[in-house]
Amino acid sequence: MFQEVCIVDNKEELENKIKKIFEDEKEYKFKRIEIGKLADMLNTIPTLIIINEDTICRNILDVCNEIRADDDNSITPIIVVSSNKEKEHRIEILNTAVEYYILSPIDVDYLYYTVKNILRLINTNRTVSPLTGLPGNVQIHTEMKKNLLQNENFTVMYFDLDNFKAYNDVYGFLKGDEIIKFTARIILKHVHCNECESCFVGHIGGDDFVAIIKGSDAEKICQNIIAEFDSEIKKYFYEEDLQKGYLEVANRKNIIEQFPITSISIGVVEIEKGRFHNILEIGEVGAQVKHLAKTIMGSSYVIDRRR
C-alpha cells in the first residue's frame, strides 16, 4: 500500500528535492498542492503533510490549525519547512501539534530520515490486528472514506468464516487462530496478485475481513480465494471429521448438533460514483450480501451490482 505524502507549497523546488531523494523508494507517493487547494488535499486524507512556510502566503499557524480541526486529519503528522530561525516562532508552531520543524535551506539527509522515521512510526503504531498484522477498524474506515471521497468506482469485499465457532469449540482457540491467520494469508495473496496499487486488506476482528480494490476482477478474486480455501482448509481438520463432513458440538442444552466443515462466505459491493453517501451505507449493503452468501451451503460469494 502506498504512503501518500502531500507537500503544501506554491513552488516546485522542494517537491523536486524530495522526489529526488526518494526516487528509488516506490512505496512513497509525493504530491504537491498549492495552498489554495488545501481543502481538496484534506479530503484525500494523506499519510503525512509537509508545508513550506516560505511560499504559501498564509499564516502558518492558521494553516496548521485548519488541518488539526479537520476530523479526518486531526492526527496526520505535519512537517513545517521554514527559513525562520526564531526560537519563539518554532515553539509556537510546534505547540499547534506539528511534529517537526525543519530549517531551510534543507539538509536533504535530515529531511529524508525525518520523513522515513515518521512513516515507519505510523506503520508501527497504526491500529493493527495483533493476530494477523492487518490494519484494524480505524484504518479500514479511513481507507473506505478516502475511496468514497475520491468519487471513483471501487469495490468492497466482506469475508466471514462459516461454522467457525463450532471449530473453536472442538479444536480450541489456538487452532482457531491458525485458521484466521491462514484466511488472512489467502485473502492477501489473491487480492494483491492483481498488482492493483490501490488494493487494501483489513481485519475487522475475529473471523471477519474486508478488502478494497480498484480496477480488478472481484469475481475472479472470489473464485480464486474460495478454490484455495476449500482445498487447504482440510489441513486443519482430523481425517475422521473430514470423512463425516461435519463436526459434532453440544449446545447449551447439551444436545449434540452437527455443523459442516468450515467454509468462507464473501459479500461484494460494487460502488459507482454517487451511489453511496457514506461508509455506513456501504456497510449495510455489505452486510446484506454477506448474509445472502452465508445462506448458501459451503463456500460462496454474492455480488451486489445494483446501480
Protein backbone atom coordinates (compact mmCIF):
# COMPACT_ATOMS: atom_id res chain seq x y z
CA MET A 1 0.00 0.00 0.00
CA PHE A 2 1.36 3.44 -0.95
CA GLN A 3 2.29 6.00 1.67
CA GLU A 4 0.87 9.26 0.32
CA VAL A 5 2.75 12.43 1.29
CA CYS A 6 1.24 15.82 0.41
CA ILE A 7 3.54 18.84 0.02
CA VAL A 8 1.78 22.17 0.57
CA ASP A 9 3.93 24.52 -1.49
CA ASN A 10 3.29 27.19 -4.10
CA LYS A 11 6.62 26.42 -5.79
CA GLU A 12 8.14 23.20 -7.17
CA GLU A 13 11.68 23.33 -5.75
CA LEU A 14 11.00 21.44 -2.51
CA GLU A 15 8.87 18.83 -4.27
CA ASN A 16 11.67 18.16 -6.76
CA LYS A 17 14.23 17.75 -3.97
CA ILE A 18 12.05 15.32 -2.05
CA LYS A 19 11.19 13.25 -5.11
CA LYS A 20 14.88 13.02 -5.98
CA ILE A 21 15.98 11.70 -2.58
CA PHE A 22 13.12 9.16 -2.61
CA GLU A 23 13.39 8.21 -6.29
CA ASP A 24 14.43 4.61 -5.52
CA GLU A 25 11.66 4.00 -2.97
CA LYS A 26 8.49 3.28 -4.88
CA GLU A 27 6.29 2.76 -1.82
CA TYR A 28 6.15 6.54 -1.26
CA LYS A 29 3.93 8.78 -3.36
CA PHE A 30 4.55 12.54 -3.22
CA LYS A 31 2.01 15.07 -4.42
CA ARG A 32 2.36 18.87 -4.33
CA ILE A 33 -0.66 21.13 -3.90
CA GLU A 34 -0.83 24.91 -3.70
CA ILE A 35 -2.19 26.49 -0.55
CA GLY A 36 -5.42 27.49 -2.28
CA LYS A 37 -6.30 23.81 -2.65
CA LEU A 38 -5.72 22.89 0.99
CA ALA A 39 -9.34 21.78 1.49
CA ASP A 40 -9.12 19.43 -1.51
CA MET A 41 -5.92 17.94 -0.12
CA LEU A 42 -7.51 17.29 3.27
CA ASN A 43 -10.26 15.29 1.56
CA THR A 44 -7.65 12.80 0.32
CA ILE A 45 -6.56 12.09 3.94
CA PRO A 46 -2.80 11.88 3.27
CA THR A 47 -0.40 9.85 5.39
CA LEU A 48 1.92 12.82 6.00
CA ILE A 49 1.78 16.57 5.26
CA ILE A 50 4.84 18.75 4.55
CA ILE A 51 4.30 22.53 4.50
CA ASN A 52 6.77 25.01 3.02
CA GLU A 53 6.10 28.13 5.10
CA ASP A 54 8.24 30.34 2.87
CA THR A 55 5.97 30.04 -0.18
CA ILE A 56 2.39 29.57 1.00
CA CYS A 57 1.43 33.25 1.54
CA ARG A 58 -0.73 32.39 4.56
CA ASN A 59 -0.19 32.44 8.28
CA ILE A 60 1.39 29.09 9.08
CA LEU A 61 -0.42 28.81 12.42
CA ASP A 62 -3.79 29.25 10.71
CA VAL A 63 -2.87 26.55 8.20
CA CYS A 64 -1.78 24.07 10.88
CA ASN A 65 -4.87 24.76 12.99
CA GLU A 66 -7.10 24.24 9.95
CA ILE A 67 -5.52 20.83 9.38
CA ARG A 68 -5.86 19.86 13.04
CA ALA A 69 -9.50 20.99 13.09
CA ASP A 70 -10.34 18.56 10.27
CA ASP A 71 -11.64 15.35 11.86
CA ASP A 72 -10.04 13.07 9.27
CA ASN A 73 -6.62 14.75 9.58
CA SER A 74 -6.55 15.57 13.27
CA ILE A 75 -3.71 13.09 13.82
CA THR A 76 -2.00 13.34 10.42
CA PRO A 77 1.70 14.16 11.07
CA ILE A 78 2.89 17.58 9.86
CA ILE A 79 6.40 18.76 8.98
CA VAL A 80 6.94 22.50 8.56
CA VAL A 81 9.88 23.64 6.45
CA SER A 82 10.86 27.27 7.03
CA SER A 83 13.75 29.73 6.84
CA ASN A 84 12.55 31.47 10.02
CA LYS A 85 15.17 30.72 12.70
CA GLU A 86 13.48 32.49 15.60
CA LYS A 87 13.05 30.12 18.52
CA GLU A 88 9.72 31.63 19.59
CA HIS A 89 8.32 31.09 16.13
CA ARG A 90 9.43 27.45 16.08
CA ILE A 91 7.98 26.78 19.53
CA GLU A 92 4.70 28.44 18.58
CA ILE A 93 4.37 26.19 15.52
CA LEU A 94 5.33 23.03 17.41
CA ASN A 95 2.72 23.98 20.00
CA THR A 96 0.00 23.54 17.34
CA ALA A 97 0.77 19.78 17.37
CA VAL A 98 3.21 19.94 14.45
CA GLU A 99 5.64 17.01 14.65
CA TYR A 100 8.79 18.57 13.14
CA TYR A 101 10.16 22.00 12.21
CA ILE A 102 12.99 21.81 9.65
CA LEU A 103 15.09 24.85 8.85
CA SER A 104 15.67 25.95 5.26
CA PRO A 105 17.99 25.62 3.37
CA ILE A 106 17.30 21.96 3.89
CA ASP A 107 19.76 19.27 4.85
CA VAL A 108 18.40 16.60 2.48
CA ASP A 109 19.69 13.71 4.59
CA TYR A 110 17.98 15.09 7.67
CA LEU A 111 14.72 15.55 5.76
CA TYR A 112 14.99 12.05 4.28
CA TYR A 113 15.33 10.31 7.64
CA THR A 114 12.71 12.52 9.28
CA VAL A 115 10.14 11.51 6.67
CA LYS A 116 11.22 7.86 6.77
CA ASN A 117 11.05 7.65 10.55
CA ILE A 118 7.65 9.32 10.77
CA LEU A 119 6.19 6.92 8.22
CA ARG A 120 7.83 3.97 9.97
CA LEU A 121 6.25 5.02 13.27
CA ILE A 122 2.87 5.39 11.58
CA ASN A 123 3.13 1.82 10.33
CA THR A 124 4.26 0.59 13.73
CA ASN A 125 1.60 2.40 15.72
CA ARG A 126 -1.26 2.02 13.28
CA THR A 127 -4.15 0.11 14.75
CA VAL A 128 -3.49 -3.42 13.57
CA SER A 129 -4.70 -6.87 14.41
CA PRO A 130 -2.11 -8.48 16.72
CA LEU A 131 -3.04 -11.87 15.25
CA THR A 132 -2.79 -11.15 11.52
CA GLY A 133 -0.82 -7.89 11.43
CA LEU A 134 -3.51 -6.42 9.17
CA PRO A 135 -4.96 -2.90 9.64
CA GLY A 136 -7.92 -2.77 12.01
CA ASN A 137 -11.16 -0.83 12.05
CA VAL A 138 -9.67 2.67 12.29
CA GLN A 139 -7.63 2.23 9.13
CA ILE A 140 -10.42 0.30 7.38
CA HIS A 141 -12.81 3.20 7.91
CA THR A 142 -10.18 5.70 6.77
CA GLU A 143 -9.49 3.76 3.55
CA MET A 144 -13.20 3.39 2.77
CA LYS A 145 -13.84 7.08 3.39
CA LYS A 146 -10.81 8.05 1.29
CA ASN A 147 -12.03 5.99 -1.67
CA LEU A 148 -15.54 7.37 -1.32
CA LEU A 149 -14.28 10.97 -1.22
CA GLN A 150 -12.23 10.41 -4.38
CA ASN A 151 -15.56 9.87 -6.16
CA GLU A 152 -14.24 6.97 -8.24
CA ASN A 153 -15.57 3.46 -8.78
CA PHE A 154 -14.23 0.81 -6.42
CA THR A 155 -15.26 -2.49 -4.86
CA VAL A 156 -15.51 -3.58 -1.22
CA MET A 157 -15.33 -7.28 -0.34
CA TYR A 158 -16.51 -8.63 3.03
CA PHE A 159 -15.25 -12.04 4.23
CA ASP A 160 -16.64 -14.22 7.00
CA LEU A 161 -16.00 -17.83 8.05
CA ASP A 162 -18.95 -20.22 8.36
CA ASN A 163 -19.29 -22.57 11.35
CA PHE A 164 -16.10 -21.14 12.86
CA LYS A 165 -17.46 -21.17 16.43
CA ALA A 166 -18.08 -24.90 16.12
CA TYR A 167 -14.45 -25.36 15.05
CA ASN A 168 -13.22 -23.42 18.09
CA ASP A 169 -15.45 -25.49 20.38
CA VAL A 170 -14.00 -28.75 19.08
CA TYR A 171 -10.38 -27.87 18.28
CA GLY A 172 -9.71 -24.97 20.66
CA PHE A 173 -8.90 -21.28 20.20
CA LEU A 174 -5.23 -21.79 19.37
CA LYS A 175 -6.08 -23.86 16.32
CA GLY A 176 -8.87 -21.42 15.55
CA ASP A 177 -6.27 -18.64 15.48
CA GLU A 178 -4.29 -20.66 12.94
CA ILE A 179 -7.33 -20.73 10.63
CA ILE A 180 -7.75 -16.97 10.97
CA LYS A 181 -4.10 -16.42 10.02
CA PHE A 182 -4.45 -18.88 7.15
CA THR A 183 -7.53 -16.99 5.91
CA ALA A 184 -5.68 -13.66 6.09
CA ARG A 185 -2.80 -15.08 4.00
CA ILE A 186 -5.14 -16.36 1.29
CA ILE A 187 -7.07 -13.08 1.05
CA LEU A 188 -3.85 -11.05 0.88
CA LYS A 189 -2.39 -13.36 -1.74
CA HIS A 190 -5.31 -13.18 -4.16
CA VAL A 191 -6.20 -9.52 -3.64
CA HIS A 192 -2.64 -8.33 -4.20
CA CYS A 193 -1.78 -10.73 -7.02
CA ASN A 194 -3.68 -8.37 -9.33
CA GLU A 195 -0.91 -5.75 -8.85
CA CYS A 196 -3.51 -3.13 -8.02
CA GLU A 197 -1.74 -0.22 -6.33
CA SER A 198 -4.92 0.79 -4.51
CA CYS A 199 -5.72 -2.64 -3.05
CA PHE A 200 -6.25 -2.81 0.71
CA VAL A 201 -6.94 -5.71 3.09
CA GLY A 202 -8.07 -5.19 6.68
CA HIS A 203 -9.02 -7.39 9.64
CA ILE A 204 -12.31 -6.23 11.17
CA GLY A 205 -11.90 -8.68 14.04
CA GLY A 206 -12.44 -12.36 14.81
CA ASP A 207 -13.09 -14.18 11.53
CA ASP A 208 -14.23 -11.05 9.62
CA PHE A 209 -12.08 -9.40 6.95
CA VAL A 210 -12.55 -6.67 4.36
CA ALA A 211 -10.77 -5.82 1.10
CA ILE A 212 -10.98 -2.70 -1.05
CA ILE A 213 -9.96 -2.92 -4.70
CA LYS A 214 -9.98 -0.76 -7.81
CA GLY A 215 -9.95 -1.85 -11.41
CA SER A 216 -9.72 -5.57 -10.64
CA ASP A 217 -12.00 -8.51 -11.35
CA ALA A 218 -13.70 -9.05 -7.98
CA GLU A 219 -15.49 -12.19 -9.18
CA LYS A 220 -12.23 -13.85 -10.23
CA ILE A 221 -10.66 -12.93 -6.88
CA CYS A 222 -13.61 -14.52 -5.05
CA GLN A 223 -13.34 -17.69 -7.10
CA ASN A 224 -9.59 -17.99 -6.51
CA ILE A 225 -9.92 -17.39 -2.77
CA ILE A 226 -12.69 -19.99 -2.45
CA ALA A 227 -10.81 -22.56 -4.51
CA GLU A 228 -7.67 -22.31 -2.38
CA PHE A 229 -9.57 -22.02 0.90
CA ASP A 230 -11.63 -25.16 0.29
CA SER A 231 -8.52 -27.07 -0.77
CA GLU A 232 -6.25 -26.01 2.10
CA ILE A 233 -8.76 -25.85 4.98
CA LYS A 234 -8.72 -29.63 5.13
CA LYS A 235 -5.26 -29.50 6.71
CA TYR A 236 -6.81 -28.05 9.86
CA PHE A 237 -9.24 -30.95 10.45
CA TYR A 238 -8.79 -34.51 11.65
CA GLU A 239 -9.38 -37.12 8.98
CA GLU A 240 -12.37 -38.60 10.82
CA ASP A 241 -14.14 -35.20 10.77
CA LEU A 242 -13.38 -34.77 7.07
CA GLN A 243 -14.84 -38.20 6.31
CA LYS A 244 -18.02 -37.37 8.23
CA GLY A 245 -18.15 -33.91 6.62
CA TYR A 246 -19.26 -32.25 9.84
CA LEU A 247 -18.40 -31.52 13.47
CA GLU A 248 -20.47 -32.63 16.45
CA VAL A 249 -20.92 -29.98 19.13
CA ALA A 250 -23.12 -29.98 22.24
CA ASN A 251 -25.33 -26.88 22.52
CA ARG A 252 -26.34 -25.16 25.79
CA LYS A 253 -29.00 -27.78 26.42
CA ASN A 254 -26.34 -30.48 25.95
CA ILE A 255 -27.96 -31.64 22.73
CA ILE A 256 -25.48 -32.72 20.03
CA GLU A 257 -25.67 -30.64 16.86
CA GLN A 258 -23.91 -31.16 13.53
CA PHE A 259 -22.00 -28.35 11.81
CA PRO A 260 -20.47 -28.58 8.32
CA ILE A 261 -16.74 -28.18 7.74
CA THR A 262 -15.62 -24.53 7.97
CA SER A 263 -16.18 -22.58 4.75
CA ILE A 264 -15.86 -18.95 3.67
CA SER A 265 -18.60 -16.52 2.61
CA ILE A 266 -17.87 -13.37 0.62
CA GLY A 267 -20.18 -10.40 0.12
CA VAL A 268 -19.12 -7.99 -2.61
CA VAL A 269 -20.38 -4.43 -3.14
CA GLU A 270 -19.56 -2.67 -6.41
CA ILE A 271 -19.54 1.07 -5.77
CA GLU A 272 -20.18 3.54 -8.55
CA LYS A 273 -19.92 7.32 -8.33
CA GLY A 274 -22.78 8.84 -6.38
CA ARG A 275 -24.36 5.59 -5.24
CA PHE A 276 -23.38 5.89 -1.57
CA HIS A 277 -23.14 8.98 0.61
CA ASN A 278 -21.14 7.49 3.49
CA ILE A 279 -19.38 4.33 4.61
CA LEU A 280 -22.30 3.30 6.84
CA GLU A 281 -24.46 2.82 3.75
CA ILE A 282 -21.74 0.67 2.18
CA GLY A 283 -21.52 -1.41 5.36
CA GLU A 284 -25.28 -2.02 5.39
CA VAL A 285 -25.31 -3.33 1.83
CA GLY A 286 -22.17 -5.33 2.55
CA ALA A 287 -23.89 -7.00 5.50
CA GLN A 288 -26.87 -7.87 3.28
CA VAL A 289 -24.86 -9.57 0.54
CA LYS A 290 -22.64 -11.35 3.05
CA HIS A 291 -25.76 -12.67 4.77
CA LEU A 292 -27.03 -13.96 1.42
CA ALA A 293 -23.72 -15.71 0.82
CA LYS A 294 -23.94 -17.37 4.24
CA THR A 295 -27.36 -18.85 3.41
CA ILE A 296 -25.67 -20.92 0.67
CA MET A 297 -24.19 -24.23 1.78
CA GLY A 298 -20.37 -24.27 1.59
CA SER A 299 -18.04 -21.53 0.41
CA SER A 300 -19.79 -18.95 -1.75
CA TYR A 301 -19.87 -15.34 -2.83
CA VAL A 302 -22.64 -12.87 -3.68
CA ILE A 303 -22.03 -9.66 -5.64
CA ASP A 304 -24.27 -6.62 -5.32
CA ARG A 305 -24.31 -4.89 -8.69
CA ARG A 306 -27.32 -2.64 -8.10
CA ARG A 307 -26.95 0.84 -9.52
